[in-house]
Amino acid sequence: MTDEFPAESGESDIRRRAAWALGMLALVAALFVALMVTFLGTSGGGKSNGVGSLDGAATGSTGRSSTPKASGTRTKTPSATKSSSTPSTSGRSTGAPKPASCPTSSPCVVPDDIGNAVAAINAYRTAHNLPPVQGSVSPAAQKCAVTNGSDCSGGWAESQVPGPDGNAAVIKIQKLGHLLDPAIKSIQVGWAYDPGNHQYFFAVVRNT
């Protein structure tokens, strides 16, 4: 009488090996998927928000600006009025800033170039091998400042600073204000103070 148990034992061994091979393939596939997810999930990264176009209106903590569009006729630039102090074209800022106050809790125009912004702008220009330009305080720039950039005209830029510091204002608007434009002939500046938030508004208008 023939014993068939060895044949069944052989088939069981083949099945075990096949099951073991399938298990290994499944494990390798799972590891491959996990590695792909890990690498693909970390390689993209998040994109930082881009800065708005310098030729359009850009809002935010860095300020606002506008560049007038070219046209067949030149828009007349508002005339500048002289400040009580002589407009400066030097590259140095002189004198300590004066404290500002408003009669009410609403923002108000600050007379004069309280933060010596004209000198700061010219210092920035001369540091980039450009000539200084004549500058003065004007009602147009003051209106642009006191409205926090909401009522401005021409080629302007406006921003907020914690104190009457022309150098800090230039740092915030140096790109938006196109202060290195070689076509600039003169500039108008204006300051305003917001007693509610204890901050200063600064605006510059370029005359080309």
N, C-alpha and C. Protein backbone atom coordinates (compact mmCIF):
# COMPACT_ATOMS: atom_id res chain seq x y z
N MET A 1 0.85 -1.20 0.00
CA MET A 1 0.00 0.00 0.00
C MET A 1 0.88 1.24 0.00
N THR A 2 0.60 2.20 -0.97
CA THR A 2 1.46 3.39 -1.11
C THR A 2 1.01 4.50 -0.17
N ASP A 3 1.98 5.18 0.50
CA ASP A 3 1.70 6.30 1.42
C ASP A 3 1.84 7.62 0.65
N GLU A 4 0.73 8.47 0.55
CA GLU A 4 0.73 9.73 -0.22
C GLU A 4 1.01 10.96 0.63
N PHE A 5 1.31 10.80 1.91
CA PHE A 5 1.55 11.98 2.78
C PHE A 5 2.73 12.82 2.33
N PRO A 6 3.84 12.23 1.83
CA PRO A 6 4.96 13.10 1.40
C PRO A 6 4.56 14.04 0.29
N ALA A 7 3.66 13.64 -0.66
CA ALA A 7 3.25 14.54 -1.73
C ALA A 7 2.49 15.72 -1.18
N GLU A 8 1.55 15.47 -0.23
CA GLU A 8 0.80 16.58 0.38
C GLU A 8 1.73 17.50 1.14
N SER A 9 2.73 16.93 1.80
CA SER A 9 3.68 17.75 2.54
C SER A 9 4.45 18.65 1.59
N GLY A 10 4.81 18.16 0.39
CA GLY A 10 5.51 18.97 -0.60
C GLY A 10 4.66 20.11 -1.09
N GLU A 11 3.35 19.82 -1.35
CA GLU A 11 2.47 20.89 -1.80
C GLU A 11 2.30 21.95 -0.72
N SER A 12 2.23 21.52 0.54
CA SER A 12 2.11 22.49 1.63
C SER A 12 3.35 23.38 1.71
N ASP A 13 4.52 22.78 1.48
CA ASP A 13 5.76 23.56 1.52
C ASP A 13 5.78 24.59 0.40
N ILE A 14 5.30 24.23 -0.79
CA ILE A 14 5.25 25.18 -1.92
C ILE A 14 4.30 26.32 -1.61
N ARG A 15 3.15 25.98 -1.02
CA ARG A 15 2.18 27.02 -0.68
C ARG A 15 2.77 27.98 0.35
N ARG A 16 3.49 27.42 1.33
CA ARG A 16 4.09 28.29 2.35
C ARG A 16 5.11 29.24 1.72
N ARG A 17 5.93 28.70 0.79
CA ARG A 17 6.92 29.55 0.15
C ARG A 17 6.26 30.63 -0.71
N ALA A 18 5.19 30.26 -1.39
CA ALA A 18 4.48 31.24 -2.22
C ALA A 18 3.88 32.32 -1.34
N ALA A 19 3.29 31.91 -0.22
CA ALA A 19 2.70 32.89 0.69
C ALA A 19 3.77 33.80 1.27
N TRP A 20 4.93 33.22 1.58
CA TRP A 20 6.04 34.02 2.13
C TRP A 20 6.53 35.03 1.09
N ALA A 21 6.62 34.60 -0.18
CA ALA A 21 7.08 35.50 -1.26
C ALA A 21 6.09 36.63 -1.46
N LEU A 22 4.78 36.31 -1.45
CA LEU A 22 3.76 37.35 -1.61
C LEU A 22 3.81 38.34 -0.46
N GLY A 23 4.04 37.81 0.76
CA GLY A 23 4.14 38.69 1.92
C GLY A 23 5.31 39.65 1.80
N MET A 24 6.45 39.14 1.32
CA MET A 24 7.62 39.99 1.16
C MET A 24 7.37 41.06 0.10
N LEU A 25 6.72 40.66 -1.02
CA LEU A 25 6.40 41.64 -2.06
C LEU A 25 5.48 42.73 -1.53
N ALA A 26 4.49 42.34 -0.73
CA ALA A 26 3.58 43.34 -0.15
C ALA A 26 4.32 44.28 0.79
N LEU A 27 5.27 43.74 1.57
CA LEU A 27 6.05 44.57 2.49
C LEU A 27 6.92 45.56 1.74
N VAL A 28 7.58 45.08 0.67
CA VAL A 28 8.42 45.97 -0.15
C VAL A 28 7.58 47.07 -0.79
N ALA A 29 6.39 46.70 -1.29
CA ALA A 29 5.51 47.69 -1.91
C ALA A 29 5.07 48.73 -0.90
N ALA A 30 4.75 48.31 0.32
CA ALA A 30 4.33 49.26 1.35
C ALA A 30 5.46 50.21 1.71
N LEU A 31 6.69 49.67 1.83
CA LEU A 31 7.83 50.53 2.13
C LEU A 31 8.07 51.53 1.01
N PHE A 32 7.92 51.09 -0.24
CA PHE A 32 8.13 51.98 -1.39
C PHE A 32 7.11 53.12 -1.38
N VAL A 33 5.85 52.79 -1.12
CA VAL A 33 4.80 53.81 -1.07
C VAL A 33 5.08 54.80 0.06
N ALA A 34 5.50 54.28 1.23
CA ALA A 34 5.79 55.17 2.36
C ALA A 34 6.93 56.13 2.03
N LEU A 35 7.98 55.62 1.38
CA LEU A 35 9.11 56.49 1.00
C LEU A 35 8.68 57.55 0.00
N MET A 36 7.86 57.17 -1.00
CA MET A 36 7.39 58.12 -1.99
C MET A 36 6.57 59.22 -1.35
N VAL A 37 5.68 58.86 -0.42
CA VAL A 37 4.85 59.85 0.27
C VAL A 37 5.72 60.80 1.07
N THR A 38 6.73 60.24 1.75
CA THR A 38 7.61 61.08 2.58
C THR A 38 8.37 62.09 1.75
N PHE A 39 9.00 61.62 0.68
CA PHE A 39 9.81 62.52 -0.15
C PHE A 39 8.96 63.54 -0.90
N LEU A 40 7.85 63.07 -1.48
CA LEU A 40 7.00 63.99 -2.24
C LEU A 40 6.30 64.98 -1.33
N GLY A 41 6.00 64.56 -0.11
CA GLY A 41 5.29 65.46 0.81
C GLY A 41 6.16 66.56 1.37
N THR A 42 7.49 66.38 1.40
CA THR A 42 8.36 67.39 2.01
C THR A 42 9.16 68.18 1.00
N SER A 43 9.17 67.76 -0.26
CA SER A 43 10.00 68.46 -1.23
C SER A 43 9.36 69.72 -1.75
N GLY A 44 8.01 69.81 -1.81
CA GLY A 44 7.34 70.96 -2.39
C GLY A 44 7.47 72.19 -1.54
N GLY A 45 7.09 72.11 -0.27
CA GLY A 45 7.16 73.25 0.62
C GLY A 45 6.08 74.24 0.30
N GLY A 46 5.87 75.19 1.21
CA GLY A 46 4.89 76.24 0.96
C GLY A 46 5.53 77.41 0.29
N LYS A 47 4.76 78.09 -0.52
CA LYS A 47 5.26 79.28 -1.21
C LYS A 47 4.91 80.52 -0.39
N SER A 48 5.87 81.42 -0.28
CA SER A 48 5.61 82.65 0.44
C SER A 48 4.82 83.59 -0.44
N ASN A 49 4.05 84.48 0.18
CA ASN A 49 3.25 85.42 -0.57
C ASN A 49 4.14 86.43 -1.26
N GLY A 50 3.90 86.68 -2.54
CA GLY A 50 4.71 87.63 -3.29
C GLY A 50 4.31 89.05 -2.99
N VAL A 51 5.22 89.97 -3.25
CA VAL A 51 4.95 91.38 -3.07
C VAL A 51 4.18 91.88 -4.28
N GLY A 52 3.23 92.75 -4.05
CA GLY A 52 2.42 93.27 -5.15
C GLY A 52 3.27 94.08 -6.11
N SER A 53 2.71 94.32 -7.28
CA SER A 53 3.42 95.07 -8.31
C SER A 53 3.79 96.44 -7.81
N LEU A 54 5.02 96.84 -8.04
CA LEU A 54 5.47 98.14 -7.59
C LEU A 54 4.82 99.26 -8.38
N ASP A 55 4.30 98.97 -9.56
CA ASP A 55 3.68 100.00 -10.37
C ASP A 55 2.18 100.12 -10.11
N GLY A 56 1.64 99.23 -9.30
CA GLY A 56 0.22 99.31 -8.96
C GLY A 56 0.09 99.73 -7.52
N ALA A 57 -1.11 99.68 -7.01
CA ALA A 57 -1.32 100.01 -5.61
C ALA A 57 -1.02 98.78 -4.78
N ALA A 58 -0.14 98.90 -3.83
CA ALA A 58 0.22 97.78 -2.96
C ALA A 58 -0.11 98.16 -1.54
N THR A 59 -0.95 97.39 -0.87
CA THR A 59 -1.36 97.72 0.47
C THR A 59 -0.73 96.77 1.45
N GLY A 60 -0.77 97.13 2.72
CA GLY A 60 -0.20 96.29 3.75
C GLY A 60 0.69 97.10 4.66
N SER A 61 1.36 96.42 5.59
CA SER A 61 2.19 97.11 6.57
C SER A 61 3.38 97.81 5.93
N THR A 62 3.76 97.39 4.72
CA THR A 62 4.90 98.02 4.07
C THR A 62 4.52 99.29 3.34
N GLY A 63 3.23 99.59 3.25
CA GLY A 63 2.82 100.84 2.65
C GLY A 63 2.12 100.67 1.31
N ARG A 64 1.83 101.81 0.69
CA ARG A 64 1.15 101.84 -0.60
C ARG A 64 1.94 102.70 -1.55
N SER A 65 1.71 102.46 -2.83
CA SER A 65 2.39 103.30 -3.81
C SER A 65 1.62 103.28 -5.11
N SER A 66 1.93 104.24 -5.96
CA SER A 66 1.34 104.30 -7.28
C SER A 66 2.27 105.02 -8.21
N THR A 67 2.35 104.53 -9.45
CA THR A 67 3.13 105.19 -10.48
C THR A 67 2.18 105.61 -11.59
N PRO A 68 2.13 106.87 -11.94
CA PRO A 68 1.20 107.31 -12.97
C PRO A 68 1.50 106.65 -14.31
N LYS A 69 0.44 106.28 -15.05
CA LYS A 69 0.62 105.65 -16.35
C LYS A 69 1.01 106.69 -17.40
N ALA A 70 1.81 106.24 -18.36
CA ALA A 70 2.25 107.14 -19.41
C ALA A 70 1.07 107.49 -20.31
N SER A 71 1.00 108.73 -20.74
CA SER A 71 -0.08 109.17 -21.60
C SER A 71 0.43 110.24 -22.54
N GLY A 72 -0.43 110.69 -23.46
CA GLY A 72 -0.02 111.68 -24.44
C GLY A 72 0.22 113.03 -23.81
N THR A 73 -0.45 113.33 -22.72
CA THR A 73 -0.26 114.61 -22.05
C THR A 73 0.23 114.36 -20.64
N ARG A 74 1.04 115.23 -20.16
CA ARG A 74 1.57 115.09 -18.81
C ARG A 74 0.61 115.70 -17.80
N THR A 75 0.35 114.94 -16.76
CA THR A 75 -0.50 115.45 -15.70
C THR A 75 0.26 116.47 -14.89
N LYS A 76 -0.38 117.57 -14.64
CA LYS A 76 0.27 118.63 -13.89
C LYS A 76 0.47 118.19 -12.46
N THR A 77 1.67 118.33 -11.96
CA THR A 77 2.00 117.94 -10.60
C THR A 77 1.59 119.04 -9.64
N PRO A 78 0.93 118.69 -8.54
CA PRO A 78 0.55 119.73 -7.58
C PRO A 78 1.78 120.49 -7.12
N SER A 79 1.62 121.80 -7.03
CA SER A 79 2.76 122.62 -6.63
C SER A 79 3.08 122.40 -5.17
N ALA A 80 4.36 122.40 -4.87
CA ALA A 80 4.80 122.18 -3.49
C ALA A 80 4.85 123.50 -2.76
N THR A 81 4.53 123.46 -1.49
CA THR A 81 4.66 124.64 -0.65
C THR A 81 5.83 124.45 0.27
N LYS A 82 6.51 125.52 0.56
CA LYS A 82 7.70 125.42 1.39
C LYS A 82 7.32 125.17 2.84
N SER A 83 8.12 124.38 3.49
CA SER A 83 7.93 124.17 4.92
C SER A 83 8.57 125.32 5.65
N SER A 84 8.30 125.40 6.95
CA SER A 84 8.87 126.48 7.72
C SER A 84 10.38 126.35 7.81
N SER A 85 10.88 125.11 7.66
CA SER A 85 12.31 124.92 7.63
C SER A 85 12.76 124.85 6.18
N THR A 86 13.98 125.21 5.89
CA THR A 86 14.48 125.22 4.53
C THR A 86 14.59 123.80 4.01
N PRO A 87 13.99 123.51 2.83
CA PRO A 87 14.10 122.15 2.28
C PRO A 87 15.55 121.74 2.13
N SER A 88 15.83 120.50 2.48
CA SER A 88 17.22 120.03 2.47
C SER A 88 17.48 119.13 1.28
N THR A 89 18.64 119.29 0.70
CA THR A 89 19.08 118.37 -0.35
C THR A 89 20.34 117.65 0.10
N SER A 90 20.73 117.83 1.31
CA SER A 90 21.95 117.18 1.81
C SER A 90 21.68 115.73 2.10
N GLY A 91 22.75 114.99 2.29
CA GLY A 91 22.62 113.56 2.55
C GLY A 91 22.56 113.23 4.02
N ARG A 92 22.48 114.23 4.90
CA ARG A 92 22.45 113.97 6.32
C ARG A 92 21.16 114.47 6.93
N SER A 93 20.70 113.73 7.91
CA SER A 93 19.52 114.14 8.65
C SER A 93 19.97 114.86 9.90
N THR A 94 19.48 116.09 10.09
CA THR A 94 19.94 116.88 11.23
C THR A 94 18.76 117.22 12.12
N GLY A 95 19.04 117.40 13.39
CA GLY A 95 18.03 117.81 14.34
C GLY A 95 17.24 116.64 14.89
N ALA A 96 16.80 116.77 16.15
CA ALA A 96 16.02 115.71 16.78
C ALA A 96 14.56 115.85 16.38
N PRO A 97 13.86 114.73 16.16
CA PRO A 97 12.44 114.79 15.80
C PRO A 97 11.62 115.46 16.89
N LYS A 98 10.63 116.24 16.46
CA LYS A 98 9.76 116.92 17.41
C LYS A 98 8.55 116.03 17.71
N PRO A 99 8.07 116.04 18.95
CA PRO A 99 6.87 115.24 19.26
C PRO A 99 5.65 115.81 18.55
N ALA A 100 4.72 114.94 18.20
CA ALA A 100 3.52 115.37 17.50
C ALA A 100 2.30 115.19 18.39
N SER A 101 1.28 115.99 18.14
CA SER A 101 0.02 115.87 18.87
C SER A 101 -1.10 116.34 17.96
N CYS A 102 -2.30 115.85 18.22
CA CYS A 102 -3.48 116.21 17.44
C CYS A 102 -4.56 116.77 18.37
N PRO A 103 -5.38 117.68 17.88
CA PRO A 103 -6.43 118.27 18.73
C PRO A 103 -7.52 117.28 19.11
N THR A 104 -7.71 116.23 18.30
CA THR A 104 -8.71 115.20 18.60
C THR A 104 -8.04 113.83 18.50
N SER A 105 -8.87 112.80 18.61
CA SER A 105 -8.34 111.43 18.52
C SER A 105 -8.16 110.98 17.07
N SER A 106 -8.56 111.82 16.11
CA SER A 106 -8.42 111.48 14.69
C SER A 106 -7.04 111.86 14.19
N PRO A 107 -6.54 111.17 13.15
CA PRO A 107 -5.23 111.53 12.59
C PRO A 107 -5.23 112.97 12.09
N CYS A 108 -4.10 113.62 12.22
CA CYS A 108 -3.97 115.00 11.79
C CYS A 108 -2.64 115.20 11.07
N VAL A 109 -2.58 116.23 10.25
CA VAL A 109 -1.36 116.57 9.53
C VAL A 109 -0.33 117.13 10.51
N VAL A 110 0.90 116.70 10.33
CA VAL A 110 2.01 117.23 11.13
C VAL A 110 2.76 118.25 10.28
N PRO A 111 2.91 119.47 10.74
CA PRO A 111 3.60 120.47 9.94
C PRO A 111 5.09 120.17 9.82
N ASP A 112 5.68 120.67 8.75
CA ASP A 112 7.12 120.53 8.52
C ASP A 112 7.51 119.07 8.23
N ASP A 113 8.76 118.90 7.92
CA ASP A 113 9.33 117.57 7.69
C ASP A 113 9.85 117.06 9.02
N ILE A 114 8.91 116.62 9.86
CA ILE A 114 9.23 116.29 11.25
C ILE A 114 10.30 115.20 11.37
N GLY A 115 10.36 114.31 10.41
CA GLY A 115 11.33 113.22 10.49
C GLY A 115 12.54 113.38 9.60
N ASN A 116 12.73 114.61 9.03
CA ASN A 116 13.86 114.86 8.13
C ASN A 116 13.92 113.83 7.00
N ALA A 117 12.75 113.60 6.39
CA ALA A 117 12.66 112.58 5.34
C ALA A 117 13.38 113.00 4.06
N VAL A 118 13.36 114.29 3.75
CA VAL A 118 14.03 114.75 2.54
C VAL A 118 15.52 114.42 2.61
N ALA A 119 16.13 114.71 3.76
CA ALA A 119 17.54 114.40 3.94
C ALA A 119 17.78 112.90 3.87
N ALA A 120 16.86 112.11 4.44
CA ALA A 120 17.01 110.65 4.43
C ALA A 120 16.90 110.12 3.01
N ILE A 121 15.98 110.66 2.21
CA ILE A 121 15.83 110.22 0.82
C ILE A 121 17.08 110.56 0.03
N ASN A 122 17.63 111.75 0.23
CA ASN A 122 18.84 112.13 -0.50
C ASN A 122 20.04 111.33 -0.06
N ALA A 123 20.10 110.96 1.20
CA ALA A 123 21.17 110.10 1.66
C ALA A 123 21.09 108.73 0.98
N TYR A 124 19.87 108.25 0.81
CA TYR A 124 19.66 106.97 0.13
C TYR A 124 20.07 107.07 -1.33
N ARG A 125 19.74 108.18 -1.98
CA ARG A 125 20.09 108.36 -3.39
C ARG A 125 21.61 108.49 -3.57
N THR A 126 22.24 109.31 -2.77
CA THR A 126 23.68 109.50 -2.92
C THR A 126 24.45 108.22 -2.60
N ALA A 127 23.92 107.40 -1.72
CA ALA A 127 24.56 106.12 -1.41
C ALA A 127 24.52 105.19 -2.62
N HIS A 128 23.60 105.46 -3.56
CA HIS A 128 23.51 104.67 -4.79
C HIS A 128 23.98 105.47 -6.00
N ASN A 129 24.87 106.42 -5.74
CA ASN A 129 25.53 107.20 -6.81
C ASN A 129 24.55 108.00 -7.66
N LEU A 130 23.50 108.50 -7.03
CA LEU A 130 22.55 109.38 -7.70
C LEU A 130 22.58 110.75 -7.04
N PRO A 131 22.35 111.81 -7.78
CA PRO A 131 22.40 113.14 -7.19
C PRO A 131 21.22 113.39 -6.26
N PRO A 132 21.41 114.22 -5.24
CA PRO A 132 20.28 114.60 -4.38
C PRO A 132 19.31 115.47 -5.15
N VAL A 133 18.09 115.54 -4.67
CA VAL A 133 17.05 116.34 -5.32
C VAL A 133 16.46 117.32 -4.32
N GLN A 134 15.87 118.37 -4.85
CA GLN A 134 15.22 119.35 -3.99
C GLN A 134 13.95 118.75 -3.41
N GLY A 135 13.67 119.04 -2.15
CA GLY A 135 12.49 118.49 -1.50
C GLY A 135 11.82 119.51 -0.61
N SER A 136 10.52 119.39 -0.46
CA SER A 136 9.76 120.30 0.39
C SER A 136 8.48 119.63 0.85
N VAL A 137 7.87 120.19 1.88
CA VAL A 137 6.58 119.72 2.37
C VAL A 137 5.49 120.31 1.49
N SER A 138 4.49 119.51 1.12
CA SER A 138 3.40 120.00 0.27
C SER A 138 2.05 119.53 0.79
N PRO A 139 0.98 120.30 0.52
CA PRO A 139 -0.36 119.86 0.91
C PRO A 139 -0.76 118.53 0.27
N ALA A 140 -0.32 118.29 -0.98
CA ALA A 140 -0.67 117.03 -1.65
C ALA A 140 -0.08 115.84 -0.92
N ALA A 141 1.18 115.95 -0.51
CA ALA A 141 1.82 114.85 0.22
C ALA A 141 1.23 114.71 1.62
N GLN A 142 0.89 115.83 2.25
CA GLN A 142 0.29 115.77 3.58
C GLN A 142 -1.09 115.10 3.52
N LYS A 143 -1.87 115.42 2.48
CA LYS A 143 -3.19 114.79 2.33
C LYS A 143 -3.04 113.29 2.09
N CYS A 144 -2.03 112.93 1.31
CA CYS A 144 -1.77 111.51 1.06
C CYS A 144 -1.41 110.79 2.36
N ALA A 145 -0.66 111.48 3.21
CA ALA A 145 -0.24 110.87 4.48
C ALA A 145 -1.39 110.76 5.46
N VAL A 146 -2.14 111.86 5.65
CA VAL A 146 -3.19 111.86 6.68
C VAL A 146 -4.34 110.92 6.34
N THR A 147 -4.52 110.63 5.05
CA THR A 147 -5.55 109.66 4.65
C THR A 147 -5.00 108.24 4.57
N ASN A 148 -3.75 108.07 4.99
CA ASN A 148 -3.11 106.75 4.99
C ASN A 148 -3.11 106.13 3.60
N GLY A 149 -2.82 106.99 2.59
CA GLY A 149 -2.70 106.51 1.23
C GLY A 149 -4.01 106.41 0.47
N SER A 150 -5.11 106.88 1.05
CA SER A 150 -6.41 106.77 0.38
C SER A 150 -6.71 107.93 -0.56
N ASP A 151 -6.02 109.06 -0.41
CA ASP A 151 -6.28 110.22 -1.26
C ASP A 151 -4.95 110.78 -1.73
N CYS A 152 -4.37 110.15 -2.75
CA CYS A 152 -3.05 110.52 -3.26
C CYS A 152 -3.13 110.68 -4.77
N SER A 153 -2.19 111.41 -5.33
CA SER A 153 -2.16 111.59 -6.77
C SER A 153 -0.72 111.66 -7.24
N GLY A 154 -0.53 111.44 -8.55
CA GLY A 154 0.82 111.47 -9.10
C GLY A 154 1.59 110.21 -8.77
N GLY A 155 2.90 110.30 -8.82
CA GLY A 155 3.75 109.17 -8.44
C GLY A 155 4.05 109.25 -6.96
N TRP A 156 3.36 108.46 -6.18
CA TRP A 156 3.43 108.59 -4.74
C TRP A 156 3.71 107.26 -4.06
N ALA A 157 4.09 107.35 -2.78
CA ALA A 157 4.24 106.17 -1.92
C ALA A 157 3.93 106.61 -0.50
N GLU A 158 3.32 105.73 0.27
CA GLU A 158 2.92 106.07 1.64
C GLU A 158 3.13 104.87 2.53
N SER A 159 3.52 105.10 3.78
CA SER A 159 3.73 104.01 4.71
C SER A 159 3.56 104.51 6.14
N GLN A 160 3.60 103.56 7.07
CA GLN A 160 3.45 103.89 8.49
C GLN A 160 4.72 103.53 9.23
N VAL A 161 5.11 104.37 10.16
CA VAL A 161 6.28 104.12 10.99
C VAL A 161 5.92 104.42 12.44
N PRO A 162 6.59 103.79 13.39
CA PRO A 162 6.24 104.00 14.80
C PRO A 162 6.66 105.35 15.34
N GLY A 163 7.59 106.04 14.65
CA GLY A 163 8.04 107.34 15.12
C GLY A 163 8.37 108.26 13.97
N PRO A 164 8.60 109.54 14.24
CA PRO A 164 8.93 110.49 13.17
C PRO A 164 10.38 110.32 12.71
N ASP A 165 10.62 109.23 12.02
CA ASP A 165 11.98 108.85 11.62
C ASP A 165 12.03 108.72 10.10
N GLY A 166 12.66 109.68 9.43
CA GLY A 166 12.76 109.64 7.98
C GLY A 166 13.52 108.45 7.47
N ASN A 167 14.56 108.04 8.17
CA ASN A 167 15.35 106.88 7.74
C ASN A 167 14.49 105.61 7.76
N ALA A 168 13.68 105.44 8.81
CA ALA A 168 12.80 104.27 8.89
C ALA A 168 11.76 104.31 7.78
N ALA A 169 11.26 105.51 7.48
CA ALA A 169 10.27 105.64 6.41
C ALA A 169 10.87 105.28 5.05
N VAL A 170 12.11 105.71 4.81
CA VAL A 170 12.77 105.40 3.54
C VAL A 170 12.98 103.90 3.39
N ILE A 171 13.35 103.24 4.47
CA ILE A 171 13.56 101.79 4.41
C ILE A 171 12.28 101.08 4.00
N LYS A 172 11.12 101.57 4.47
CA LYS A 172 9.86 100.91 4.18
C LYS A 172 9.35 101.19 2.77
N ILE A 173 9.70 102.36 2.20
CA ILE A 173 9.14 102.70 0.89
C ILE A 173 10.19 102.79 -0.20
N GLN A 174 11.43 102.38 0.08
CA GLN A 174 12.51 102.60 -0.89
C GLN A 174 12.23 101.95 -2.25
N LYS A 175 11.52 100.82 -2.26
CA LYS A 175 11.20 100.17 -3.54
C LYS A 175 9.87 100.67 -4.08
N LEU A 176 8.86 100.72 -3.22
CA LEU A 176 7.55 101.19 -3.66
C LEU A 176 7.60 102.63 -4.13
N GLY A 177 8.49 103.42 -3.54
CA GLY A 177 8.56 104.83 -3.88
C GLY A 177 9.41 105.14 -5.09
N HIS A 178 10.11 104.15 -5.64
CA HIS A 178 10.99 104.36 -6.80
C HIS A 178 11.94 105.54 -6.53
N LEU A 179 12.53 105.55 -5.35
CA LEU A 179 13.37 106.68 -4.95
C LEU A 179 14.66 106.76 -5.74
N LEU A 180 15.03 105.69 -6.44
CA LEU A 180 16.26 105.70 -7.24
C LEU A 180 15.99 105.99 -8.71
N ASP A 181 14.83 106.52 -8.99
CA ASP A 181 14.50 106.90 -10.37
C ASP A 181 15.38 108.09 -10.77
N PRO A 182 16.24 107.94 -11.79
CA PRO A 182 17.12 109.04 -12.18
C PRO A 182 16.37 110.23 -12.76
N ALA A 183 15.10 110.04 -13.12
CA ALA A 183 14.31 111.12 -13.72
C ALA A 183 13.70 112.05 -12.68
N ILE A 184 13.80 111.71 -11.40
CA ILE A 184 13.23 112.57 -10.37
C ILE A 184 13.94 113.92 -10.35
N LYS A 185 13.16 114.99 -10.39
CA LYS A 185 13.71 116.34 -10.32
C LYS A 185 13.54 116.95 -8.93
N SER A 186 12.45 116.61 -8.28
CA SER A 186 12.20 117.09 -6.92
C SER A 186 11.19 116.16 -6.26
N ILE A 187 11.05 116.30 -4.96
CA ILE A 187 10.11 115.46 -4.22
C ILE A 187 9.29 116.33 -3.27
N GLN A 188 8.10 115.86 -2.98
CA GLN A 188 7.24 116.47 -1.97
C GLN A 188 7.02 115.45 -0.87
N VAL A 189 7.07 115.88 0.37
CA VAL A 189 6.88 114.97 1.49
C VAL A 189 5.78 115.50 2.39
N GLY A 190 5.20 114.59 3.16
CA GLY A 190 4.17 114.96 4.11
C GLY A 190 4.10 113.96 5.24
N TRP A 191 3.83 114.47 6.43
CA TRP A 191 3.72 113.63 7.63
C TRP A 191 2.34 113.82 8.26
N ALA A 192 1.86 112.78 8.92
CA ALA A 192 0.63 112.85 9.70
C ALA A 192 0.81 111.96 10.93
N TYR A 193 -0.03 112.21 11.94
CA TYR A 193 0.07 111.44 13.19
C TYR A 193 -1.29 110.87 13.55
N ASP A 194 -1.29 109.61 13.96
CA ASP A 194 -2.51 108.93 14.40
C ASP A 194 -2.41 108.72 15.91
N PRO A 195 -3.06 109.58 16.71
CA PRO A 195 -2.95 109.47 18.17
C PRO A 195 -3.59 108.20 18.73
N GLY A 196 -4.58 107.65 18.00
CA GLY A 196 -5.22 106.43 18.48
C GLY A 196 -4.29 105.24 18.47
N ASN A 197 -3.50 105.11 17.40
CA ASN A 197 -2.58 103.98 17.27
C ASN A 197 -1.14 104.36 17.58
N HIS A 198 -0.91 105.63 17.89
CA HIS A 198 0.43 106.12 18.22
C HIS A 198 1.44 105.79 17.12
N GLN A 199 1.07 106.11 15.89
CA GLN A 199 1.97 105.88 14.77
C GLN A 199 1.93 107.06 13.81
N TYR A 200 2.96 107.14 12.99
CA TYR A 200 3.09 108.24 12.04
C TYR A 200 2.86 107.72 10.62
N PHE A 201 2.22 108.55 9.81
CA PHE A 201 2.05 108.26 8.40
C PHE A 201 3.00 109.17 7.61
N PHE A 202 3.67 108.57 6.64
CA PHE A 202 4.58 109.36 5.80
C PHE A 202 4.26 109.13 4.35
N ALA A 203 4.30 110.21 3.56
CA ALA A 203 4.03 110.10 2.13
C ALA A 203 5.05 110.92 1.35
N VAL A 204 5.40 110.43 0.16
CA VAL A 204 6.30 111.15 -0.73
C VAL A 204 5.68 111.16 -2.13
N VAL A 205 5.79 112.29 -2.79
CA VAL A 205 5.32 112.44 -4.17
C VAL A 205 6.52 112.79 -5.04
N ARG A 206 6.72 112.05 -6.12
CA ARG A 206 7.86 112.29 -7.01
C ARG A 206 7.48 113.25 -8.12
N ASN A 207 8.33 114.21 -8.40
CA ASN A 207 8.15 115.13 -9.52
C ASN A 207 9.20 114.83 -10.57
N THR A 208 8.78 114.45 -11.78
CA THR A 208 9.72 114.10 -12.82
C THR A 208 9.56 115.03 -14.02
